[in-house]
Amino acid sequence: MAAGERGRDVVPWPSALSFRFGAHVGASTAALACANTYTSFSSTYLPTYLHAYLHRPP
């Protein structure tokens, strides 16, 4: 195999790989952030709301 062919073959791989890896990490980070936000929201706001709703004056 000629050096030119090998170079042409190999060049696209790192960029495609890093792009795919970056997209995967980005999606995972976004999913984790959403889960964290939802968890903190449901663990702080919902109990307060339920407590106020259940113990509202008649």
N, C-alpha and C. Protein backbone atom coordinates (compact mmCIF):
# COMPACT_ATOMS: atom_id res chain seq x y z
N MET A 1 0.85 -1.19 0.00
CA MET A 1 0.00 0.00 0.00
C MET A 1 0.89 1.24 0.00
N ALA A 2 0.56 2.20 -0.83
CA ALA A 2 1.38 3.41 -0.91
C ALA A 2 1.11 4.31 0.29
N ALA A 3 2.13 5.10 0.63
CA ALA A 3 2.00 5.96 1.80
C ALA A 3 0.85 6.96 1.61
N GLY A 4 0.68 7.44 0.37
CA GLY A 4 -0.39 8.41 0.12
C GLY A 4 -1.76 7.79 0.38
N GLU A 5 -1.94 6.53 -0.09
CA GLU A 5 -3.22 5.88 0.13
C GLU A 5 -3.47 5.66 1.62
N ARG A 6 -2.43 5.20 2.30
CA ARG A 6 -2.60 4.94 3.73
C ARG A 6 -2.98 6.24 4.45
N GLY A 7 -2.28 7.34 4.10
CA GLY A 7 -2.59 8.61 4.73
C GLY A 7 -4.03 9.04 4.45
N ARG A 8 -4.43 8.86 3.19
CA ARG A 8 -5.78 9.27 2.83
C ARG A 8 -6.80 8.40 3.55
N ASP A 9 -6.46 7.12 3.74
CA ASP A 9 -7.38 6.22 4.42
C ASP A 9 -7.53 6.57 5.89
N VAL A 10 -6.40 6.92 6.50
CA VAL A 10 -6.40 7.04 7.96
C VAL A 10 -6.90 8.40 8.43
N VAL A 11 -6.76 9.43 7.59
CA VAL A 11 -7.06 10.78 8.06
C VAL A 11 -8.51 10.94 8.56
N PRO A 12 -9.53 10.47 7.84
CA PRO A 12 -10.89 10.75 8.31
C PRO A 12 -11.24 10.07 9.64
N TRP A 13 -10.54 8.97 9.95
CA TRP A 13 -10.96 8.18 11.11
C TRP A 13 -10.93 8.93 12.43
N PRO A 14 -9.80 9.57 12.79
CA PRO A 14 -9.79 10.21 14.11
C PRO A 14 -10.88 11.27 14.26
N SER A 15 -11.11 12.06 13.21
CA SER A 15 -12.12 13.11 13.33
C SER A 15 -13.51 12.49 13.48
N ALA A 16 -13.80 11.46 12.68
CA ALA A 16 -15.11 10.82 12.78
C ALA A 16 -15.28 10.17 14.15
N LEU A 17 -14.21 9.52 14.61
CA LEU A 17 -14.28 8.85 15.90
C LEU A 17 -14.47 9.85 17.02
N SER A 18 -13.69 10.93 17.00
CA SER A 18 -13.79 11.91 18.07
C SER A 18 -15.14 12.61 18.02
N PHE A 19 -15.66 12.83 16.81
CA PHE A 19 -16.98 13.45 16.70
C PHE A 19 -18.05 12.54 17.31
N ARG A 20 -17.98 11.25 16.95
CA ARG A 20 -18.96 10.31 17.49
C ARG A 20 -18.83 10.21 19.00
N PHE A 21 -17.58 10.13 19.48
CA PHE A 21 -17.35 10.04 20.92
C PHE A 21 -17.84 11.31 21.61
N GLY A 22 -17.56 12.46 21.02
CA GLY A 22 -18.01 13.72 21.60
C GLY A 22 -19.52 13.81 21.65
N ALA A 23 -20.18 13.35 20.58
CA ALA A 23 -21.64 13.38 20.57
C ALA A 23 -22.20 12.45 21.65
N HIS A 24 -21.57 11.28 21.79
CA HIS A 24 -22.03 10.33 22.81
C HIS A 24 -21.87 10.93 24.20
N VAL A 25 -20.70 11.51 24.47
CA VAL A 25 -20.46 12.12 25.78
C VAL A 25 -21.41 13.28 26.00
N GLY A 26 -21.64 14.07 24.96
CA GLY A 26 -22.56 15.19 25.10
C GLY A 26 -23.97 14.72 25.42
N ALA A 27 -24.43 13.67 24.74
CA ALA A 27 -25.77 13.16 25.00
C ALA A 27 -25.86 12.60 26.41
N SER A 28 -24.82 11.87 26.84
CA SER A 28 -24.84 11.31 28.18
C SER A 28 -24.85 12.41 29.23
N THR A 29 -24.05 13.45 29.00
CA THR A 29 -24.00 14.56 29.95
C THR A 29 -25.35 15.25 30.02
N ALA A 30 -25.98 15.46 28.87
CA ALA A 30 -27.28 16.11 28.86
C ALA A 30 -28.32 15.26 29.59
N ALA A 31 -28.29 13.95 29.35
CA ALA A 31 -29.24 13.07 30.03
C ALA A 31 -29.03 13.09 31.53
N LEU A 32 -27.75 13.07 31.95
CA LEU A 32 -27.46 13.12 33.39
C LEU A 32 -27.93 14.44 33.98
N ALA A 33 -27.69 15.52 33.27
CA ALA A 33 -28.10 16.83 33.79
C ALA A 33 -29.62 16.88 33.93
N CYS A 34 -30.33 16.36 32.95
CA CYS A 34 -31.79 16.34 33.04
C CYS A 34 -32.24 15.49 34.21
N ALA A 35 -31.62 14.32 34.38
CA ALA A 35 -32.00 13.45 35.48
C ALA A 35 -31.72 14.11 36.82
N ASN A 36 -30.57 14.77 36.93
CA ASN A 36 -30.24 15.45 38.18
C ASN A 36 -31.23 16.57 38.47
N THR A 37 -31.56 17.35 37.45
CA THR A 37 -32.51 18.44 37.64
C THR A 37 -33.86 17.89 38.07
N TYR A 38 -34.33 16.84 37.40
CA TYR A 38 -35.63 16.26 37.73
C TYR A 38 -35.62 15.69 39.15
N THR A 39 -34.52 15.02 39.51
CA THR A 39 -34.44 14.42 40.84
C THR A 39 -34.46 15.50 41.92
N SER A 40 -33.64 16.53 41.74
CA SER A 40 -33.61 17.58 42.76
C SER A 40 -34.95 18.31 42.80
N PHE A 41 -35.58 18.50 41.64
CA PHE A 41 -36.88 19.16 41.59
C PHE A 41 -37.92 18.34 42.34
N SER A 42 -37.97 17.04 42.05
CA SER A 42 -38.99 16.19 42.66
C SER A 42 -38.72 15.96 44.14
N SER A 43 -37.43 16.05 44.55
CA SER A 43 -37.13 15.79 45.96
C SER A 43 -37.26 17.04 46.81
N THR A 44 -37.31 18.23 46.19
CA THR A 44 -37.44 19.45 46.98
C THR A 44 -38.83 20.07 46.81
N TYR A 45 -39.29 20.19 45.58
CA TYR A 45 -40.54 20.91 45.34
C TYR A 45 -41.76 20.05 45.61
N LEU A 46 -41.76 18.82 45.12
CA LEU A 46 -42.96 18.00 45.23
C LEU A 46 -43.37 17.70 46.68
N PRO A 47 -42.45 17.29 47.55
CA PRO A 47 -42.87 17.05 48.94
C PRO A 47 -43.45 18.31 49.59
N THR A 48 -42.85 19.46 49.31
CA THR A 48 -43.37 20.71 49.87
C THR A 48 -44.78 20.98 49.35
N TYR A 49 -44.96 20.78 48.05
CA TYR A 49 -46.27 21.01 47.46
C TYR A 49 -47.30 20.04 48.02
N LEU A 50 -46.93 18.76 48.11
CA LEU A 50 -47.86 17.77 48.64
C LEU A 50 -48.20 18.07 50.09
N HIS A 51 -47.19 18.43 50.87
CA HIS A 51 -47.42 18.74 52.27
C HIS A 51 -48.39 19.92 52.40
N ALA A 52 -48.15 20.96 51.61
CA ALA A 52 -49.04 22.12 51.67
C ALA A 52 -50.44 21.74 51.20
N TYR A 53 -50.52 20.87 50.20
CA TYR A 53 -51.83 20.47 49.67
C TYR A 53 -52.59 19.62 50.69
N LEU A 54 -51.89 18.69 51.33
CA LEU A 54 -52.56 17.80 52.27
C LEU A 54 -52.94 18.52 53.55
N HIS A 55 -52.16 19.51 53.94
CA HIS A 55 -52.42 20.19 55.20
C HIS A 55 -53.02 21.58 54.98
N ARG A 56 -53.69 21.76 53.85
CA ARG A 56 -54.32 23.06 53.60
C ARG A 56 -55.51 23.23 54.55
N PRO A 57 -55.82 24.43 54.90
CA PRO A 57 -56.97 24.64 55.79
C PRO A 57 -58.26 24.25 55.09
N PRO A 58 -59.21 23.75 55.79
CA PRO A 58 -60.46 23.28 55.18
C PRO A 58 -61.29 24.44 54.61
